[in-house]
Amino acid sequence: MTKVMPASQVRADIYNLMDETALTHEPILITGKRNNAVMLSQEDWNAIEETLYLNSIPNMAKSIQEGMAQSDDEFSEDIKW
């Protein structure tokens, strides 16, 4: 479950919250009078960006799913370039 905090509380404890998001990998929803925002660790954001990129490549998701369904003995230990 996403933690929800008002901007004023986040502002008062920003460094601890940054550490918390990096440690727990849980986002924090920051609520404000005009807008809301989500705090994520950079590691989690990078993972999201990579996933979005891979999903933008036609048939990539299908290829990954097919590869994951293969048994390990179908893969060679030797890489042939």
PDB file of N, CA and C in Angstrom:
ATOM      1  N   MET A   1       0.845  -1.184   0.000  1.00  0.00           N
ATOM      2  CA  MET A   1       0.000   0.000   0.000  1.00  0.00           C
ATOM      3  C   MET A   1       0.886   1.241   0.000  1.00  0.00           C
ATOM      4  N   THR A   2       0.515   2.187  -0.793  1.00  0.00           N
ATOM      5  CA  THR A   2       1.293   3.417  -0.918  1.00  0.00           C
ATOM      6  C   THR A   2       1.093   4.298   0.306  1.00  0.00           C
ATOM      7  N   LYS A   3       2.194   4.782   0.820  1.00  0.00           N
ATOM      8  CA  LYS A   3       2.158   5.734   1.923  1.00  0.00           C
ATOM      9  C   LYS A   3       1.719   7.087   1.376  1.00  0.00           C
ATOM     10  N   VAL A   4       0.817   7.767   2.086  1.00  0.00           N
ATOM     11  CA  VAL A   4       0.306   9.066   1.664  1.00  0.00           C
ATOM     12  C   VAL A   4       0.684  10.095   2.721  1.00  0.00           C
ATOM     13  N   MET A   5       1.297  11.193   2.270  1.00  0.00           N
ATOM     14  CA  MET A   5       1.735  12.231   3.201  1.00  0.00           C
ATOM     15  C   MET A   5       1.491  13.608   2.595  1.00  0.00           C
ATOM     16  N   PRO A   6       1.125  14.589   3.427  1.00  0.00           N
ATOM     17  CA  PRO A   6       1.004  15.955   2.922  1.00  0.00           C
ATOM     18  C   PRO A   6       2.387  16.551   2.649  1.00  0.00           C
ATOM     19  N   ALA A   7       2.445  17.470   1.697  1.00  0.00           N
ATOM     20  CA  ALA A   7       3.715  18.085   1.306  1.00  0.00           C
ATOM     21  C   ALA A   7       4.428  18.728   2.486  1.00  0.00           C
ATOM     22  N   SER A   8       3.692  19.343   3.384  1.00  0.00           N
ATOM     23  CA  SER A   8       4.328  20.006   4.531  1.00  0.00           C
ATOM     24  C   SER A   8       5.069  19.007   5.413  1.00  0.00           C
ATOM     25  N   GLN A   9       4.514  17.819   5.586  1.00  0.00           N
ATOM     26  CA  GLN A   9       5.171  16.783   6.389  1.00  0.00           C
ATOM     27  C   GLN A   9       6.390  16.227   5.653  1.00  0.00           C
ATOM     28  N   VAL A  10       6.275  16.049   4.351  1.00  0.00           N
ATOM     29  CA  VAL A  10       7.398  15.555   3.549  1.00  0.00           C
ATOM     30  C   VAL A  10       8.551  16.549   3.609  1.00  0.00           C
ATOM     31  N   ARG A  11       8.230  17.829   3.476  1.00  0.00           N
ATOM     32  CA  ARG A  11       9.251  18.874   3.503  1.00  0.00           C
ATOM     33  C   ARG A  11      10.045  18.827   4.811  1.00  0.00           C
ATOM     34  N   ALA A  12       9.368  18.547   5.906  1.00  0.00           N
ATOM     35  CA  ALA A  12      10.019  18.529   7.216  1.00  0.00           C
ATOM     36  C   ALA A  12      10.918  17.312   7.410  1.00  0.00           C
ATOM     37  N   ASP A  13      10.710  16.251   6.621  1.00  0.00           N
ATOM     38  CA  ASP A  13      11.446  15.000   6.849  1.00  0.00           C
ATOM     39  C   ASP A  13      11.979  14.411   5.539  1.00  0.00           C
ATOM     40  N   ILE A  14      12.321  15.270   4.591  1.00  0.00           N
ATOM     41  CA  ILE A  14      12.641  14.834   3.232  1.00  0.00           C
ATOM     42  C   ILE A  14      13.790  13.819   3.164  1.00  0.00           C
ATOM     43  N   TYR A  15      14.858  14.038   3.914  1.00  0.00           N
ATOM     44  CA  TYR A  15      16.015  13.141   3.806  1.00  0.00           C
ATOM     45  C   TYR A  15      15.697  11.740   4.334  1.00  0.00           C
ATOM     46  N   ASN A  16      14.974  11.659   5.423  1.00  0.00           N
ATOM     47  CA  ASN A  16      14.584  10.344   5.944  1.00  0.00           C
ATOM     48  C   ASN A  16      13.636   9.631   4.981  1.00  0.00           C
ATOM     49  N   LEU A  17      12.741  10.381   4.363  1.00  0.00           N
ATOM     50  CA  LEU A  17      11.813   9.777   3.407  1.00  0.00           C
ATOM     51  C   LEU A  17      12.524   9.305   2.148  1.00  0.00           C
ATOM     52  N   MET A  18      13.529  10.038   1.708  1.00  0.00           N
ATOM     53  CA  MET A  18      14.322   9.591   0.564  1.00  0.00           C
ATOM     54  C   MET A  18      15.027   8.276   0.899  1.00  0.00           C
ATOM     55  N   ASP A  19      15.590   8.183   2.095  1.00  0.00           N
ATOM     56  CA  ASP A  19      16.225   6.933   2.526  1.00  0.00           C
ATOM     57  C   ASP A  19      15.206   5.797   2.587  1.00  0.00           C
ATOM     58  N   GLU A  20      14.030   6.099   3.094  1.00  0.00           N
ATOM     59  CA  GLU A  20      12.978   5.082   3.228  1.00  0.00           C
ATOM     60  C   GLU A  20      12.548   4.538   1.872  1.00  0.00           C
ATOM     61  N   THR A  21      12.341   5.421   0.896  1.00  0.00           N
ATOM     62  CA  THR A  21      11.919   4.944  -0.425  1.00  0.00           C
ATOM     63  C   THR A  21      13.010   4.105  -1.089  1.00  0.00           C
ATOM     64  N   ALA A  22      14.264   4.479  -0.861  1.00  0.00           N
ATOM     65  CA  ALA A  22      15.366   3.698  -1.433  1.00  0.00           C
ATOM     66  C   ALA A  22      15.464   2.325  -0.772  1.00  0.00           C
ATOM     67  N   LEU A  23      15.211   2.269   0.518  1.00  0.00           N
ATOM     68  CA  LEU A  23      15.326   1.009   1.262  1.00  0.00           C
ATOM     69  C   LEU A  23      14.137   0.080   1.010  1.00  0.00           C
ATOM     70  N   THR A  24      12.926   0.627   1.061  1.00  0.00           N
ATOM     71  CA  THR A  24      11.724  -0.211   0.981  1.00  0.00           C
ATOM     72  C   THR A  24      11.210  -0.417  -0.429  1.00  0.00           C
ATOM     73  N   HIS A  25      11.627   0.429  -1.364  1.00  0.00           N
ATOM     74  CA  HIS A  25      11.122   0.391  -2.743  1.00  0.00           C
ATOM     75  C   HIS A  25       9.618   0.623  -2.788  1.00  0.00           C
ATOM     76  N   GLU A  26       9.091   1.316  -1.802  1.00  0.00           N
ATOM     77  CA  GLU A  26       7.676   1.682  -1.763  1.00  0.00           C
ATOM     78  C   GLU A  26       7.545   3.162  -2.094  1.00  0.00           C
ATOM     79  N   PRO A  27       6.640   3.511  -3.011  1.00  0.00           N
ATOM     80  CA  PRO A  27       6.455   4.920  -3.339  1.00  0.00           C
ATOM     81  C   PRO A  27       5.736   5.665  -2.217  1.00  0.00           C
ATOM     82  N   ILE A  28       5.886   6.973  -2.212  1.00  0.00           N
ATOM     83  CA  ILE A  28       5.169   7.831  -1.276  1.00  0.00           C
ATOM     84  C   ILE A  28       4.354   8.818  -2.104  1.00  0.00           C
ATOM     85  N   LEU A  29       3.048   8.846  -1.871  1.00  0.00           N
ATOM     86  CA  LEU A  29       2.181   9.813  -2.532  1.00  0.00           C
ATOM     87  C   LEU A  29       2.211  11.092  -1.712  1.00  0.00           C
ATOM     88  N   ILE A  30       2.653  12.163  -2.334  1.00  0.00           N
ATOM     89  CA  ILE A  30       2.748  13.459  -1.668  1.00  0.00           C
ATOM     90  C   ILE A  30       1.560  14.297  -2.129  1.00  0.00           C
ATOM     91  N   THR A  31       0.726  14.683  -1.177  1.00  0.00           N
ATOM     92  CA  THR A  31      -0.472  15.441  -1.506  1.00  0.00           C
ATOM     93  C   THR A  31      -0.266  16.920  -1.210  1.00  0.00           C
ATOM     94  N   GLY A  32      -0.789  17.748  -2.092  1.00  0.00           N
ATOM     95  CA  GLY A  32      -0.687  19.189  -1.918  1.00  0.00           C
ATOM     96  C   GLY A  32      -2.002  19.867  -2.238  1.00  0.00           C
ATOM     97  N   LYS A  33      -2.074  21.149  -1.996  1.00  0.00           N
ATOM     98  CA  LYS A  33      -3.302  21.907  -2.254  1.00  0.00           C
ATOM     99  C   LYS A  33      -3.579  22.020  -3.747  1.00  0.00           C
ATOM    100  N   ARG A  34      -2.526  22.117  -4.565  1.00  0.00           N
ATOM    101  CA  ARG A  34      -2.714  22.302  -6.003  1.00  0.00           C
ATOM    102  C   ARG A  34      -2.514  21.025  -6.799  1.00  0.00           C
ATOM    103  N   ASN A  35      -1.568  20.193  -6.400  1.00  0.00           N
ATOM    104  CA  ASN A  35      -1.248  18.972  -7.149  1.00  0.00           C
ATOM    105  C   ASN A  35      -0.735  17.902  -6.208  1.00  0.00           C
ATOM    106  N   ASN A  36      -0.662  16.697  -6.707  1.00  0.00           N
ATOM    107  CA  ASN A  36      -0.057  15.580  -5.996  1.00  0.00           C
ATOM    108  C   ASN A  36       1.155  15.107  -6.786  1.00  0.00           C
ATOM    109  N   ALA A  37       2.068  14.425  -6.101  1.00  0.00           N
ATOM    110  CA  ALA A  37       3.253  13.872  -6.755  1.00  0.00           C
ATOM    111  C   ALA A  37       3.589  12.543  -6.071  1.00  0.00           C
ATOM    112  N   VAL A  38       4.432  11.770  -6.731  1.00  0.00           N
ATOM    113  CA  VAL A  38       4.866  10.492  -6.172  1.00  0.00           C
ATOM    114  C   VAL A  38       6.372  10.508  -6.035  1.00  0.00           C
ATOM    115  N   MET A  39       6.871  10.099  -4.866  1.00  0.00           N
ATOM    116  CA  MET A  39       8.306   9.984  -4.639  1.00  0.00           C
ATOM    117  C   MET A  39       8.705   8.517  -4.802  1.00  0.00           C
ATOM    118  N   LEU A  40       9.700   8.295  -5.655  1.00  0.00           N
ATOM    119  CA  LEU A  40      10.265   6.962  -5.885  1.00  0.00           C
ATOM    120  C   LEU A  40      11.776   7.054  -5.740  1.00  0.00           C
ATOM    121  N   SER A  41      12.402   5.922  -5.457  1.00  0.00           N
ATOM    122  CA  SER A  41      13.864   5.911  -5.485  1.00  0.00           C
ATOM    123  C   SER A  41      14.306   5.984  -6.948  1.00  0.00           C
ATOM    124  N   GLN A  42      15.513   6.460  -7.172  1.00  0.00           N
ATOM    125  CA  GLN A  42      16.017   6.523  -8.543  1.00  0.00           C
ATOM    126  C   GLN A  42      16.138   5.128  -9.131  1.00  0.00           C
ATOM    127  N   GLU A  43      16.521   4.156  -8.318  1.00  0.00           N
ATOM    128  CA  GLU A  43      16.634   2.780  -8.797  1.00  0.00           C
ATOM    129  C   GLU A  43      15.286   2.280  -9.323  1.00  0.00           C
ATOM    130  N   ASP A  44      14.207   2.567  -8.589  1.00  0.00           N
ATOM    131  CA  ASP A  44      12.883   2.140  -9.030  1.00  0.00           C
ATOM    132  C   ASP A  44      12.455   2.891 -10.289  1.00  0.00           C
ATOM    133  N   TRP A  45      12.745   4.190 -10.354  1.00  0.00           N
ATOM    134  CA  TRP A  45      12.403   4.960 -11.549  1.00  0.00           C
ATOM    135  C   TRP A  45      13.151   4.428 -12.770  1.00  0.00           C
ATOM    136  N   ASN A  46      14.436   4.104 -12.599  1.00  0.00           N
ATOM    137  CA  ASN A  46      15.213   3.548 -13.716  1.00  0.00           C
ATOM    138  C   ASN A  46      14.598   2.244 -14.199  1.00  0.00           C
ATOM    139  N   ALA A  47      14.130   1.403 -13.278  1.00  0.00           N
ATOM    140  CA  ALA A  47      13.500   0.133 -13.651  1.00  0.00           C
ATOM    141  C   ALA A  47      12.206   0.385 -14.429  1.00  0.00           C
ATOM    142  N   ILE A  48      11.435   1.379 -13.999  1.00  0.00           N
ATOM    143  CA  ILE A  48      10.201   1.718 -14.704  1.00  0.00           C
ATOM    144  C   ILE A  48      10.516   2.208 -16.115  1.00  0.00           C
ATOM    145  N   GLU A  49      11.509   3.081 -16.242  1.00  0.00           N
ATOM    146  CA  GLU A  49      11.887   3.582 -17.567  1.00  0.00           C
ATOM    147  C   GLU A  49      12.330   2.447 -18.484  1.00  0.00           C
ATOM    148  N   GLU A  50      13.111   1.509 -17.947  1.00  0.00           N
ATOM    149  CA  GLU A  50      13.569   0.385 -18.764  1.00  0.00           C
ATOM    150  C   GLU A  50      12.394  -0.472 -19.214  1.00  0.00           C
ATOM    151  N   THR A  51      11.454  -0.719 -18.302  1.00  0.00           N
ATOM    152  CA  THR A  51      10.270  -1.500 -18.648  1.00  0.00           C
ATOM    153  C   THR A  51       9.454  -0.806 -19.734  1.00  0.00           C
ATOM    154  N   LEU A  52       9.263   0.498 -19.596  1.00  0.00           N
ATOM    155  CA  LEU A  52       8.524   1.249 -20.618  1.00  0.00           C
ATOM    156  C   LEU A  52       9.239   1.177 -21.964  1.00  0.00           C
ATOM    157  N   TYR A  53      10.559   1.294 -21.934  1.00  0.00           N
ATOM    158  CA  TYR A  53      11.325   1.215 -23.184  1.00  0.00           C
ATOM    159  C   TYR A  53      11.166  -0.163 -23.831  1.00  0.00           C
ATOM    160  N   LEU A  54      11.345  -1.216 -23.042  1.00  0.00           N
ATOM    161  CA  LEU A  54      11.239  -2.568 -23.599  1.00  0.00           C
ATOM    162  C   LEU A  54       9.839  -2.835 -24.139  1.00  0.00           C
ATOM    163  N   ASN A  55       8.820  -2.321 -23.447  1.00  0.00           N
ATOM    164  CA  ASN A  55       7.449  -2.510 -23.920  1.00  0.00           C
ATOM    165  C   ASN A  55       7.147  -1.697 -25.176  1.00  0.00           C
ATOM    166  N   SER A  56       7.977  -0.707 -25.473  1.00  0.00           N
ATOM    167  CA  SER A  56       7.757   0.097 -26.687  1.00  0.00           C
ATOM    168  C   SER A  56       8.289  -0.596 -27.931  1.00  0.00           C
ATOM    169  N   ILE A  57       9.088  -1.629 -27.764  1.00  0.00           N
ATOM    170  CA  ILE A  57       9.644  -2.375 -28.896  1.00  0.00           C
ATOM    171  C   ILE A  57       8.621  -3.429 -29.324  1.00  0.00           C
ATOM    172  N   PRO A  58       8.191  -3.404 -30.580  1.00  0.00           N
ATOM    173  CA  PRO A  58       7.179  -4.369 -31.030  1.00  0.00           C
ATOM    174  C   PRO A  58       7.598  -5.814 -30.737  1.00  0.00           C
ATOM    175  N   ASN A  59       6.692  -6.569 -30.167  1.00  0.00           N
ATOM    176  CA  ASN A  59       6.846  -8.001 -29.861  1.00  0.00           C
ATOM    177  C   ASN A  59       7.877  -8.315 -28.781  1.00  0.00           C
ATOM    178  N   MET A  60       8.462  -7.306 -28.142  1.00  0.00           N
ATOM    179  CA  MET A  60       9.477  -7.570 -27.118  1.00  0.00           C
ATOM    180  C   MET A  60       8.869  -8.287 -25.906  1.00  0.00           C
ATOM    181  N   ALA A  61       7.718  -7.841 -25.434  1.00  0.00           N
ATOM    182  CA  ALA A  61       7.093  -8.477 -24.267  1.00  0.00           C
ATOM    183  C   ALA A  61       6.798  -9.947 -24.562  1.00  0.00           C
ATOM    184  N   LYS A  62       6.290 -10.225 -25.760  1.00  0.00           N
ATOM    185  CA  LYS A  62       6.001 -11.613 -26.148  1.00  0.00           C
ATOM    186  C   LYS A  62       7.285 -12.436 -26.179  1.00  0.00           C
ATOM    187  N   SER A  63       8.350 -11.868 -26.718  1.00  0.00           N
ATOM    188  CA  SER A  63       9.633 -12.567 -26.791  1.00  0.00           C
ATOM    189  C   SER A  63      10.180 -12.880 -25.394  1.00  0.00           C
ATOM    190  N   ILE A  64      10.061 -11.920 -24.491  1.00  0.00           N
ATOM    191  CA  ILE A  64      10.535 -12.134 -23.118  1.00  0.00           C
ATOM    192  C   ILE A  64       9.719 -13.230 -22.449  1.00  0.00           C
ATOM    193  N   GLN A  65       8.402 -13.183 -22.613  1.00  0.00           N
ATOM    194  CA  GLN A  65       7.544 -14.210 -22.013  1.00  0.00           C
ATOM    195  C   GLN A  65       7.851 -15.585 -22.574  1.00  0.00           C
ATOM    196  N   GLU A  66       8.079 -15.673 -23.862  1.00  0.00           N
ATOM    197  CA  GLU A  66       8.424 -16.966 -24.475  1.00  0.00           C
ATOM    198  C   GLU A  66       9.762 -17.470 -23.952  1.00  0.00           C
ATOM    199  N   GLY A  67      10.721 -16.583 -23.806  1.00  0.00           N
ATOM    200  CA  GLY A  67      12.025 -16.973 -23.274  1.00  0.00           C
ATOM    201  C   GLY A  67      11.939 -17.458 -21.842  1.00  0.00           C
ATOM    202  N   MET A  68      11.108 -16.796 -21.049  1.00  0.00           N
ATOM    203  CA  MET A  68      10.949 -17.202 -19.649  1.00  0.00           C
ATOM    204  C   MET A  68      10.264 -18.559 -19.534  1.00  0.00           C
ATOM    205  N   ALA A  69       9.454 -18.920 -20.523  1.00  0.00           N
ATOM    206  CA  ALA A  69       8.746 -20.201 -20.499  1.00  0.00           C
ATOM    207  C   ALA A  69       9.645 -21.369 -20.907  1.00  0.00           C
ATOM    208  N   GLN A  70      10.792 -21.072 -21.520  1.00  0.00           N
ATOM    209  CA  GLN A  70      11.718 -22.117 -21.954  1.00  0.00           C
ATOM    210  C   GLN A  70      12.382 -22.772 -20.737  1.00  0.00           C
ATOM    211  N   SER A  71      12.653 -24.050 -20.841  1.00  0.00           N
ATOM    212  CA  SER A  71      13.390 -24.704 -19.761  1.00  0.00           C
ATOM    213  C   SER A  71      14.868 -24.348 -19.869  1.00  0.00           C
ATOM    214  N   ASP A  72      15.568 -24.382 -18.762  1.00  0.00           N
ATOM    215  CA  ASP A  72      16.973 -23.982 -18.723  1.00  0.00           C
ATOM    216  C   ASP A  72      17.860 -24.835 -19.628  1.00  0.00           C
ATOM    217  N   ASP A  73      17.504 -26.089 -19.823  1.00  0.00           N
ATOM    218  CA  ASP A  73      18.361 -26.960 -20.635  1.00  0.00           C
ATOM    219  C   ASP A  73      18.287 -26.626 -22.134  1.00  0.00           C
ATOM    220  N   GLU A  74      17.393 -25.723 -22.501  1.00  0.00           N
ATOM    221  CA  GLU A  74      17.317 -25.306 -23.899  1.00  0.00           C
ATOM    222  C   GLU A  74      18.326 -24.209 -24.223  1.00  0.00           C
ATOM    223  N   PHE A  75      19.019 -23.720 -23.211  1.00  0.00           N
ATOM    224  CA  PHE A  75      19.990 -22.659 -23.413  1.00  0.00           C
ATOM    225  C   PHE A  75      21.394 -23.225 -23.332  1.00  0.00           C
ATOM    226  N   SER A  76      22.257 -22.737 -24.176  1.00  0.00           N
ATOM    227  CA  SER A  76      23.619 -23.198 -24.224  1.00  0.00           C
ATOM    228  C   SER A  76      24.470 -22.436 -23.206  1.00  0.00           C
ATOM    229  N   GLU A  77      25.443 -23.115 -22.644  1.00  0.00           N
ATOM    230  CA  GLU A  77      26.410 -22.478 -21.734  1.00  0.00           C
ATOM    231  C   GLU A  77      27.411 -21.640 -22.546  1.00  0.00           C
ATOM    232  N   ASP A  78      27.621 -22.035 -23.801  1.00  0.00           N
ATOM    233  CA  ASP A  78      28.570 -21.346 -24.664  1.00  0.00           C
ATOM    234  C   ASP A  78      27.847 -20.270 -25.468  1.00  0.00           C
ATOM    235  N   ILE A  79      28.418 -19.092 -25.460  1.00  0.00           N
ATOM    236  CA  ILE A  79      27.871 -18.005 -26.256  1.00  0.00           C
ATOM    237  C   ILE A  79      28.575 -18.017 -27.603  1.00  0.00           C
ATOM    238  N   LYS A  80      27.785 -18.069 -28.647  1.00  0.00           N
ATOM    239  CA  LYS A  80      28.346 -18.087 -29.998  1.00  0.00           C
ATOM    240  C   LYS A  80      28.083 -16.722 -30.619  1.00  0.00           C
ATOM    241  N   TRP A  81      29.138 -16.028 -30.940  1.00  0.00           N
ATOM    242  CA  TRP A  81      29.002 -14.681 -31.511  1.00  0.00           C
ATOM    243  C   TRP A  81      28.996 -14.726 -32.994  1.00  0.00           C
TER     244      TRP A  81
END
